[in-house]
N, C-alpha and C. Protein backbone atom coordinates (compact mmCIF):
# COMPACT_ATOMS: atom_id res chain seq x y z
N MET A 1 0.84 -1.18 0.00
CA MET A 1 0.00 0.00 0.00
C MET A 1 0.89 1.25 0.00
N VAL A 2 0.39 2.33 -0.45
CA VAL A 2 1.13 3.58 -0.57
C VAL A 2 1.35 4.19 0.82
N HIS A 3 2.40 4.97 0.98
CA HIS A 3 2.71 5.59 2.26
C HIS A 3 1.62 6.56 2.68
N ASP A 4 1.44 6.66 3.98
CA ASP A 4 0.43 7.54 4.54
C ASP A 4 1.07 8.34 5.66
N LYS A 5 0.36 9.36 6.10
CA LYS A 5 0.88 10.18 7.20
C LYS A 5 0.82 9.43 8.53
N ASN A 6 0.15 8.28 8.57
CA ASN A 6 0.06 7.46 9.77
C ASN A 6 0.98 6.25 9.60
N PRO A 7 2.28 6.42 9.83
CA PRO A 7 3.23 5.34 9.52
C PRO A 7 3.11 4.13 10.44
N GLY A 8 2.42 4.24 11.57
CA GLY A 8 2.31 3.12 12.49
C GLY A 8 1.20 2.17 12.13
N GLU A 9 0.56 2.35 11.01
CA GLU A 9 -0.59 1.54 10.65
C GLU A 9 -0.46 1.04 9.21
N ILE A 10 -0.80 -0.21 9.02
CA ILE A 10 -0.79 -0.77 7.68
C ILE A 10 -2.04 -1.63 7.51
N THR A 11 -2.61 -1.58 6.33
CA THR A 11 -3.78 -2.38 6.03
C THR A 11 -3.47 -3.23 4.81
N GLU A 12 -3.77 -4.48 4.91
CA GLU A 12 -3.59 -5.37 3.78
C GLU A 12 -4.95 -5.92 3.41
N GLU A 13 -5.28 -5.86 2.12
CA GLU A 13 -6.55 -6.42 1.70
C GLU A 13 -6.42 -7.02 0.32
N CYS A 14 -7.40 -7.81 -0.01
CA CYS A 14 -7.44 -8.50 -1.29
C CYS A 14 -7.34 -7.47 -2.43
N PRO A 15 -6.54 -7.73 -3.46
CA PRO A 15 -6.43 -6.79 -4.58
C PRO A 15 -7.77 -6.48 -5.24
N LEU A 16 -8.66 -7.45 -5.32
CA LEU A 16 -9.98 -7.21 -5.89
C LEU A 16 -10.76 -6.24 -5.00
N ARG A 17 -10.72 -6.44 -3.69
CA ARG A 17 -11.43 -5.53 -2.76
C ARG A 17 -10.84 -4.13 -2.85
N TYR A 18 -9.53 -4.01 -2.98
CA TYR A 18 -8.90 -2.69 -3.11
C TYR A 18 -9.34 -2.02 -4.41
N PHE A 19 -9.38 -2.78 -5.49
CA PHE A 19 -9.87 -2.25 -6.77
C PHE A 19 -11.30 -1.74 -6.60
N GLN A 20 -12.16 -2.52 -5.94
CA GLN A 20 -13.55 -2.12 -5.73
C GLN A 20 -13.63 -0.86 -4.87
N ARG A 21 -12.75 -0.75 -3.88
CA ARG A 21 -12.71 0.44 -3.02
C ARG A 21 -12.34 1.68 -3.85
N LEU A 22 -11.30 1.56 -4.68
CA LEU A 22 -10.91 2.68 -5.54
C LEU A 22 -12.01 3.03 -6.53
N LYS A 23 -12.60 2.02 -7.13
CA LYS A 23 -13.69 2.23 -8.08
C LYS A 23 -14.83 2.98 -7.41
N GLN A 24 -15.19 2.57 -6.21
CA GLN A 24 -16.28 3.23 -5.48
C GLN A 24 -15.93 4.69 -5.18
N GLU A 25 -14.71 4.96 -4.78
CA GLU A 25 -14.30 6.31 -4.39
C GLU A 25 -14.12 7.24 -5.60
N LEU A 26 -13.65 6.69 -6.72
CA LEU A 26 -13.32 7.54 -7.86
C LEU A 26 -14.37 7.56 -8.96
N PHE A 27 -14.99 6.44 -9.23
CA PHE A 27 -15.87 6.37 -10.40
C PHE A 27 -17.35 6.30 -10.07
N ASP A 28 -17.71 5.71 -8.95
CA ASP A 28 -19.11 5.51 -8.62
C ASP A 28 -19.64 6.64 -7.74
N VAL A 29 -19.42 7.87 -8.15
CA VAL A 29 -19.84 9.02 -7.36
C VAL A 29 -21.34 9.21 -7.54
N SER A 30 -22.07 9.20 -6.44
CA SER A 30 -23.51 9.45 -6.50
C SER A 30 -23.89 10.34 -5.34
N ASP A 31 -25.13 10.72 -5.28
CA ASP A 31 -25.58 11.59 -4.20
C ASP A 31 -25.94 10.82 -2.94
N GLY A 32 -25.76 9.53 -2.91
CA GLY A 32 -26.05 8.73 -1.73
C GLY A 32 -27.45 8.16 -1.75
N ALA A 33 -28.42 8.91 -2.24
CA ALA A 33 -29.80 8.45 -2.29
C ALA A 33 -30.06 7.65 -3.57
N THR A 34 -29.28 7.93 -4.60
CA THR A 34 -29.45 7.27 -5.89
C THR A 34 -28.38 6.20 -6.02
N PRO A 35 -28.75 4.96 -6.27
CA PRO A 35 -27.73 3.91 -6.34
C PRO A 35 -26.80 4.01 -7.54
N THR A 36 -27.23 4.66 -8.62
CA THR A 36 -26.36 4.77 -9.79
C THR A 36 -25.71 6.15 -9.82
N PRO A 37 -24.49 6.24 -10.35
CA PRO A 37 -23.82 7.54 -10.39
C PRO A 37 -24.57 8.55 -11.25
N LEU A 38 -24.63 9.78 -10.76
CA LEU A 38 -25.26 10.86 -11.51
C LEU A 38 -24.27 11.51 -12.46
N VAL A 39 -23.02 11.59 -12.03
CA VAL A 39 -21.99 12.26 -12.82
C VAL A 39 -20.73 11.41 -12.77
N CYS A 40 -20.08 11.29 -13.89
CA CYS A 40 -18.80 10.59 -13.93
C CYS A 40 -17.71 11.67 -13.88
N ILE A 41 -17.01 11.72 -12.78
CA ILE A 41 -16.00 12.76 -12.60
C ILE A 41 -14.67 12.33 -13.24
N PHE A 42 -14.36 11.06 -13.12
CA PHE A 42 -13.14 10.53 -13.69
C PHE A 42 -13.49 9.51 -14.77
N SER A 43 -12.65 9.40 -15.77
CA SER A 43 -12.89 8.41 -16.82
C SER A 43 -11.55 7.88 -17.32
N GLU A 44 -11.62 6.71 -17.92
CA GLU A 44 -10.41 6.11 -18.49
C GLU A 44 -10.01 6.86 -19.75
N THR A 45 -8.73 6.84 -20.05
CA THR A 45 -8.23 7.49 -21.26
C THR A 45 -7.05 6.70 -21.80
N ASN A 46 -6.82 6.84 -23.07
CA ASN A 46 -5.65 6.22 -23.70
C ASN A 46 -4.50 7.20 -23.82
N ALA A 47 -4.70 8.42 -23.34
CA ALA A 47 -3.66 9.44 -23.41
C ALA A 47 -2.49 9.08 -22.49
N THR A 48 -1.31 9.48 -22.89
CA THR A 48 -0.13 9.25 -22.05
C THR A 48 -0.09 10.31 -20.95
N PRO A 49 0.66 10.07 -19.89
CA PRO A 49 0.80 11.10 -18.85
C PRO A 49 1.30 12.44 -19.41
N ASN A 50 2.22 12.39 -20.37
CA ASN A 50 2.71 13.64 -20.97
C ASN A 50 1.61 14.36 -21.76
N ASP A 51 0.77 13.60 -22.45
CA ASP A 51 -0.36 14.20 -23.17
C ASP A 51 -1.30 14.91 -22.18
N ILE A 52 -1.58 14.24 -21.07
CA ILE A 52 -2.48 14.81 -20.06
C ILE A 52 -1.87 16.07 -19.46
N LEU A 53 -0.58 16.02 -19.17
CA LEU A 53 0.09 17.20 -18.61
C LEU A 53 0.04 18.37 -19.59
N GLU A 54 0.23 18.09 -20.87
CA GLU A 54 0.15 19.15 -21.87
C GLU A 54 -1.25 19.76 -21.94
N LEU A 55 -2.27 18.90 -21.90
CA LEU A 55 -3.66 19.39 -21.90
C LEU A 55 -3.94 20.22 -20.64
N MET A 56 -3.44 19.73 -19.51
CA MET A 56 -3.62 20.47 -18.26
C MET A 56 -2.96 21.85 -18.35
N LYS A 57 -1.77 21.88 -18.90
CA LYS A 57 -1.03 23.14 -19.00
C LYS A 57 -1.75 24.12 -19.93
N GLU A 58 -2.26 23.61 -21.06
CA GLU A 58 -3.01 24.47 -21.99
C GLU A 58 -4.24 25.06 -21.30
N GLU A 59 -4.98 24.22 -20.57
CA GLU A 59 -6.18 24.69 -19.87
C GLU A 59 -5.81 25.67 -18.76
N TYR A 60 -4.72 25.41 -18.07
CA TYR A 60 -4.22 26.27 -17.01
C TYR A 60 -3.96 27.68 -17.56
N ILE A 61 -3.32 27.73 -18.70
CA ILE A 61 -3.00 29.02 -19.33
C ILE A 61 -4.26 29.66 -19.90
N ASP A 62 -5.14 28.85 -20.55
CA ASP A 62 -6.39 29.38 -21.10
C ASP A 62 -7.26 30.01 -20.01
N GLN A 63 -7.25 29.42 -18.82
CA GLN A 63 -8.04 29.95 -17.70
C GLN A 63 -7.31 31.08 -16.97
N GLN A 64 -6.12 31.46 -17.47
CA GLN A 64 -5.29 32.53 -16.93
C GLN A 64 -4.86 32.29 -15.49
N LEU A 65 -4.74 31.02 -15.13
CA LEU A 65 -4.28 30.69 -13.78
C LEU A 65 -2.79 30.98 -13.63
N ASP A 66 -2.08 31.06 -14.75
CA ASP A 66 -0.67 31.40 -14.69
C ASP A 66 -0.45 32.84 -14.23
N SER A 67 -1.51 33.65 -14.24
CA SER A 67 -1.38 35.02 -13.71
C SER A 67 -1.42 35.00 -12.18
N ILE A 68 -1.91 33.90 -11.59
CA ILE A 68 -1.92 33.76 -10.13
C ILE A 68 -0.61 33.16 -9.66
N THR A 69 -0.23 32.06 -10.27
CA THR A 69 1.05 31.42 -9.97
C THR A 69 1.45 30.59 -11.19
N LYS A 70 2.74 30.52 -11.44
CA LYS A 70 3.21 29.87 -12.67
C LYS A 70 3.03 28.35 -12.62
N TRP A 71 2.96 27.77 -13.80
CA TRP A 71 2.91 26.31 -13.96
C TRP A 71 4.28 25.76 -13.59
N CYS A 72 4.34 24.69 -12.85
CA CYS A 72 5.61 24.10 -12.42
C CYS A 72 5.79 22.74 -13.07
N PRO A 73 7.02 22.31 -13.27
CA PRO A 73 7.21 20.94 -13.74
C PRO A 73 6.72 19.98 -12.66
N GLY A 74 6.22 18.84 -13.06
CA GLY A 74 5.73 17.88 -12.08
C GLY A 74 5.08 16.69 -12.74
N SER A 75 4.34 15.95 -11.97
CA SER A 75 3.68 14.75 -12.47
C SER A 75 2.22 14.74 -12.05
N ILE A 76 1.45 13.86 -12.66
CA ILE A 76 0.03 13.73 -12.34
C ILE A 76 -0.09 13.08 -10.97
N PRO A 77 -0.91 13.64 -10.09
CA PRO A 77 -1.10 13.02 -8.77
C PRO A 77 -1.65 11.61 -8.90
N LYS A 78 -1.24 10.75 -8.01
CA LYS A 78 -1.71 9.38 -7.97
C LYS A 78 -2.69 9.24 -6.81
N ALA A 79 -3.85 8.70 -7.08
CA ALA A 79 -4.87 8.54 -6.05
C ALA A 79 -4.80 7.14 -5.44
N TYR A 80 -5.06 7.08 -4.16
CA TYR A 80 -5.16 5.80 -3.48
C TYR A 80 -6.11 5.94 -2.30
N CYS A 81 -6.49 4.83 -1.72
CA CYS A 81 -7.43 4.82 -0.60
C CYS A 81 -6.79 4.20 0.63
N ASN A 82 -7.09 4.76 1.77
CA ASN A 82 -6.73 4.14 3.03
C ASN A 82 -8.02 3.75 3.74
N VAL A 83 -8.02 2.60 4.33
CA VAL A 83 -9.19 2.10 5.04
C VAL A 83 -9.34 2.90 6.33
N LYS A 84 -10.58 3.31 6.63
CA LYS A 84 -10.83 4.02 7.88
C LYS A 84 -10.80 3.02 9.03
N GLU A 85 -10.16 3.43 10.11
CA GLU A 85 -9.99 2.53 11.25
C GLU A 85 -11.32 2.17 11.91
N LYS A 86 -12.21 3.15 12.07
CA LYS A 86 -13.47 2.91 12.77
C LYS A 86 -14.46 2.08 11.95
N ASP A 87 -14.40 2.19 10.64
CA ASP A 87 -15.32 1.45 9.78
C ASP A 87 -14.56 0.98 8.54
N ASN A 88 -14.25 -0.31 8.52
CA ASN A 88 -13.44 -0.86 7.42
C ASN A 88 -14.15 -0.83 6.07
N ASN A 89 -15.44 -0.54 6.05
CA ASN A 89 -16.15 -0.43 4.78
C ASN A 89 -16.02 0.96 4.18
N LYS A 90 -15.47 1.89 4.94
CA LYS A 90 -15.28 3.27 4.46
C LYS A 90 -13.81 3.51 4.18
N SER A 91 -13.57 4.45 3.28
CA SER A 91 -12.20 4.77 2.87
C SER A 91 -11.93 6.25 2.99
N ARG A 92 -10.67 6.56 3.04
CA ARG A 92 -10.23 7.94 2.94
C ARG A 92 -9.45 8.04 1.64
N LEU A 93 -10.01 8.79 0.68
CA LEU A 93 -9.37 8.95 -0.62
C LEU A 93 -8.23 9.95 -0.50
N ILE A 94 -7.10 9.58 -1.01
CA ILE A 94 -5.92 10.45 -0.95
C ILE A 94 -5.38 10.63 -2.36
N SER A 95 -5.10 11.86 -2.71
CA SER A 95 -4.48 12.17 -3.98
C SER A 95 -3.26 13.04 -3.67
N ALA A 96 -2.12 12.41 -3.61
CA ALA A 96 -0.89 13.11 -3.24
C ALA A 96 -0.51 14.09 -4.34
N SER A 97 -0.60 15.37 -4.03
CA SER A 97 -0.35 16.40 -5.05
C SER A 97 0.93 17.18 -4.79
N HIS A 98 1.80 16.67 -3.94
CA HIS A 98 3.03 17.39 -3.62
C HIS A 98 3.96 17.55 -4.80
N ASN A 99 3.77 16.76 -5.86
CA ASN A 99 4.61 16.89 -7.04
C ASN A 99 3.79 17.29 -8.28
N ALA A 100 2.56 17.75 -8.06
CA ALA A 100 1.70 18.15 -9.18
C ALA A 100 2.15 19.49 -9.75
N PRO A 101 2.00 19.69 -11.05
CA PRO A 101 2.38 20.97 -11.65
C PRO A 101 1.58 22.16 -11.09
N ILE A 102 0.40 21.87 -10.53
CA ILE A 102 -0.44 22.95 -9.99
C ILE A 102 -0.37 23.01 -8.46
N ARG A 103 0.69 22.46 -7.87
CA ARG A 103 0.78 22.39 -6.41
C ARG A 103 0.74 23.76 -5.74
N LYS A 104 1.34 24.77 -6.35
CA LYS A 104 1.31 26.11 -5.75
C LYS A 104 -0.10 26.68 -5.77
N LEU A 105 -0.83 26.43 -6.85
CA LEU A 105 -2.22 26.88 -6.93
C LEU A 105 -3.06 26.15 -5.89
N LEU A 106 -2.81 24.86 -5.71
CA LEU A 106 -3.53 24.09 -4.70
C LEU A 106 -3.23 24.61 -3.29
N GLN A 107 -1.97 24.99 -3.04
CA GLN A 107 -1.61 25.55 -1.74
C GLN A 107 -2.34 26.87 -1.49
N LEU A 108 -2.41 27.72 -2.52
CA LEU A 108 -3.13 28.99 -2.37
C LEU A 108 -4.62 28.75 -2.15
N THR A 109 -5.17 27.77 -2.85
CA THR A 109 -6.58 27.43 -2.67
C THR A 109 -6.83 26.95 -1.25
N SER A 110 -5.92 26.14 -0.75
CA SER A 110 -6.04 25.65 0.63
C SER A 110 -6.01 26.81 1.62
N LYS A 111 -5.13 27.76 1.39
CA LYS A 111 -5.07 28.93 2.28
C LYS A 111 -6.36 29.73 2.23
N ALA A 112 -6.93 29.89 1.03
CA ALA A 112 -8.18 30.63 0.89
C ALA A 112 -9.33 29.91 1.60
N LEU A 113 -9.40 28.60 1.43
CA LEU A 113 -10.46 27.83 2.09
C LEU A 113 -10.28 27.84 3.61
N THR A 114 -9.05 27.75 4.07
CA THR A 114 -8.79 27.81 5.51
C THR A 114 -9.22 29.16 6.06
N TYR A 115 -8.90 30.23 5.37
CA TYR A 115 -9.33 31.56 5.79
C TYR A 115 -10.85 31.64 5.83
N LEU A 116 -11.49 31.14 4.78
CA LEU A 116 -12.96 31.17 4.72
C LEU A 116 -13.55 30.42 5.91
N LEU A 117 -13.06 29.23 6.18
CA LEU A 117 -13.61 28.44 7.28
C LEU A 117 -13.37 29.08 8.64
N ARG A 118 -12.25 29.76 8.79
CA ARG A 118 -11.95 30.42 10.08
C ARG A 118 -12.75 31.70 10.28
N THR A 119 -13.21 32.29 9.20
CA THR A 119 -13.92 33.57 9.31
C THR A 119 -15.40 33.47 8.99
N LEU A 120 -15.93 32.26 8.93
CA LEU A 120 -17.36 32.10 8.68
C LEU A 120 -18.16 32.77 9.79
N PRO A 121 -19.31 33.30 9.45
CA PRO A 121 -20.17 33.91 10.49
C PRO A 121 -20.55 32.87 11.55
N LYS A 122 -20.86 33.35 12.74
CA LYS A 122 -21.19 32.45 13.85
C LYS A 122 -22.42 31.59 13.56
N GLU A 123 -23.30 32.07 12.67
CA GLU A 123 -24.50 31.29 12.34
C GLU A 123 -24.14 30.00 11.61
N VAL A 124 -23.01 29.99 10.92
CA VAL A 124 -22.58 28.81 10.18
C VAL A 124 -21.74 27.98 11.16
N ILE A 125 -22.37 26.94 11.72
CA ILE A 125 -21.68 26.18 12.76
C ILE A 125 -20.80 25.07 12.20
N HIS A 126 -21.02 24.67 10.96
CA HIS A 126 -20.16 23.68 10.34
C HIS A 126 -20.28 23.78 8.82
N PHE A 127 -19.27 23.24 8.17
CA PHE A 127 -19.26 23.20 6.71
C PHE A 127 -18.66 21.87 6.32
N THR A 128 -19.42 21.06 5.63
CA THR A 128 -18.95 19.76 5.20
C THR A 128 -19.37 19.52 3.77
N LEU A 129 -18.48 18.99 3.01
CA LEU A 129 -18.79 18.61 1.64
C LEU A 129 -18.92 17.09 1.62
N HIS A 130 -20.17 16.62 1.66
CA HIS A 130 -20.41 15.18 1.73
C HIS A 130 -20.29 14.50 0.37
N SER A 131 -20.48 15.26 -0.69
CA SER A 131 -20.48 14.65 -2.02
C SER A 131 -20.03 15.67 -3.04
N LEU A 132 -19.29 15.21 -4.03
CA LEU A 132 -18.90 16.11 -5.11
C LEU A 132 -20.11 16.57 -5.91
N GLN A 133 -21.20 15.80 -5.82
CA GLN A 133 -22.43 16.16 -6.53
C GLN A 133 -22.97 17.51 -6.08
N THR A 134 -22.76 17.84 -4.82
CA THR A 134 -23.36 19.06 -4.26
C THR A 134 -22.41 20.26 -4.27
N LEU A 135 -21.21 20.08 -4.79
CA LEU A 135 -20.21 21.16 -4.73
C LEU A 135 -20.69 22.44 -5.41
N ILE A 136 -21.26 22.32 -6.61
CA ILE A 136 -21.69 23.51 -7.35
C ILE A 136 -22.80 24.23 -6.60
N GLN A 137 -23.77 23.49 -6.07
CA GLN A 137 -24.87 24.12 -5.33
C GLN A 137 -24.35 24.81 -4.06
N ILE A 138 -23.43 24.16 -3.35
CA ILE A 138 -22.86 24.76 -2.14
C ILE A 138 -22.12 26.04 -2.50
N TYR A 139 -21.35 25.99 -3.56
CA TYR A 139 -20.60 27.17 -4.00
C TYR A 139 -21.55 28.32 -4.33
N GLN A 140 -22.61 28.03 -5.09
CA GLN A 140 -23.55 29.08 -5.48
C GLN A 140 -24.26 29.68 -4.27
N ARG A 141 -24.67 28.83 -3.33
CA ARG A 141 -25.33 29.34 -2.11
C ARG A 141 -24.36 30.19 -1.29
N THR A 142 -23.09 29.77 -1.24
CA THR A 142 -22.09 30.51 -0.47
C THR A 142 -21.85 31.88 -1.08
N VAL A 143 -21.75 31.94 -2.40
CA VAL A 143 -21.54 33.23 -3.08
C VAL A 143 -22.73 34.16 -2.81
N ILE A 144 -23.93 33.64 -2.94
CA ILE A 144 -25.13 34.46 -2.69
C ILE A 144 -25.14 34.94 -1.25
N TYR A 145 -24.81 34.07 -0.30
CA TYR A 145 -24.80 34.45 1.11
C TYR A 145 -23.80 35.58 1.36
N PHE A 146 -22.58 35.42 0.86
CA PHE A 146 -21.56 36.43 1.12
C PHE A 146 -21.85 37.73 0.37
N GLN A 147 -22.48 37.65 -0.79
CA GLN A 147 -22.87 38.87 -1.49
C GLN A 147 -23.92 39.62 -0.68
N SER A 148 -24.90 38.92 -0.13
CA SER A 148 -25.94 39.59 0.67
C SER A 148 -25.35 40.13 1.96
N THR A 149 -24.42 39.40 2.58
CA THR A 149 -23.77 39.86 3.79
C THR A 149 -22.93 41.09 3.51
N SER A 150 -22.25 41.08 2.38
CA SER A 150 -21.41 42.21 1.99
C SER A 150 -22.26 43.45 1.76
N LYS A 151 -23.42 43.30 1.10
CA LYS A 151 -24.30 44.44 0.87
C LYS A 151 -24.80 45.01 2.18
N ASP A 152 -25.17 44.12 3.12
CA ASP A 152 -25.64 44.57 4.43
C ASP A 152 -24.56 45.33 5.16
N SER A 153 -23.31 44.86 5.10
CA SER A 153 -22.23 45.52 5.83
C SER A 153 -21.87 46.86 5.19
N HIS A 154 -22.12 47.03 3.88
CA HIS A 154 -21.84 48.31 3.23
C HIS A 154 -22.91 49.34 3.57
N ASN A 155 -24.06 48.88 4.04
CA ASN A 155 -25.15 49.80 4.39
C ASN A 155 -25.13 50.21 5.85
N THR A 156 -24.10 49.82 6.59
CA THR A 156 -24.00 50.23 7.99
C THR A 156 -22.67 50.92 8.21
N ASN A 157 -22.66 51.85 9.19
CA ASN A 157 -21.40 52.51 9.50
C ASN A 157 -20.68 51.73 10.60
N ARG A 158 -19.58 52.27 11.12
CA ARG A 158 -18.78 51.55 12.11
C ARG A 158 -19.53 51.31 13.40
N ARG A 159 -20.51 52.10 13.70
CA ARG A 159 -21.29 51.92 14.92
C ARG A 159 -22.47 50.98 14.72
N GLY A 160 -22.61 50.43 13.50
CA GLY A 160 -23.67 49.49 13.24
C GLY A 160 -24.99 50.14 12.84
N LYS A 161 -24.98 51.44 12.60
CA LYS A 161 -26.21 52.13 12.22
C LYS A 161 -26.35 52.13 10.71
N ASN A 162 -27.60 52.00 10.25
CA ASN A 162 -27.86 51.99 8.82
C ASN A 162 -27.52 53.33 8.18
N VAL A 163 -26.89 53.26 7.03
CA VAL A 163 -26.53 54.45 6.27
C VAL A 163 -27.16 54.30 4.88
N HIS A 164 -27.95 55.28 4.47
CA HIS A 164 -28.60 55.20 3.15
C HIS A 164 -28.32 56.42 2.34
C-alpha cells in the first residue's frame, strides 16, 4: 500500500477488494440516495501522462491561472485509498499532489479555504462537503450568502447604524 501520514498503521486487503474500493471512491460518485452515479468525474483514457500534462497546461493558461502562480514541472497526482480505522467499509481517498504541476495553486486554494472556514459567520456552525455532486450548489449558495452579507455591511457605519 502507498505511504500515509500514519506510519504506524498498515492495512492489507485483497487486490480485488482494493480495486472495488478505488472504483467506489473515484468512479461511482452518486448523491447517496441514488444507487447509480449521476456524474462521472473521472474516466479512463488512452492518453499518455505527458499528453495529459500538456492538456492540463493548456487549460491552465487558457483559464489565466498562470497570472496567479506559474505552472511548475511535475507529475500527475496518484490517487489511493486508506481504510478508515473505525469502519473498514469506508475509505479515505488520498491524492498526493506534492509533485503536481499545480501544487502552488492548490496551496493557495487551501489557504483561501482555511481563511474562509476560520472567518465564517457564527451562524454557520459547520461546513462539510459530503459529495462532489453538491459542490456547485454549495458554491452558489455561499456566493449568494456572502454577497448579501457584503451588501448589508456596506449599508452600515462603524457603529452598526444603517446608512442610506
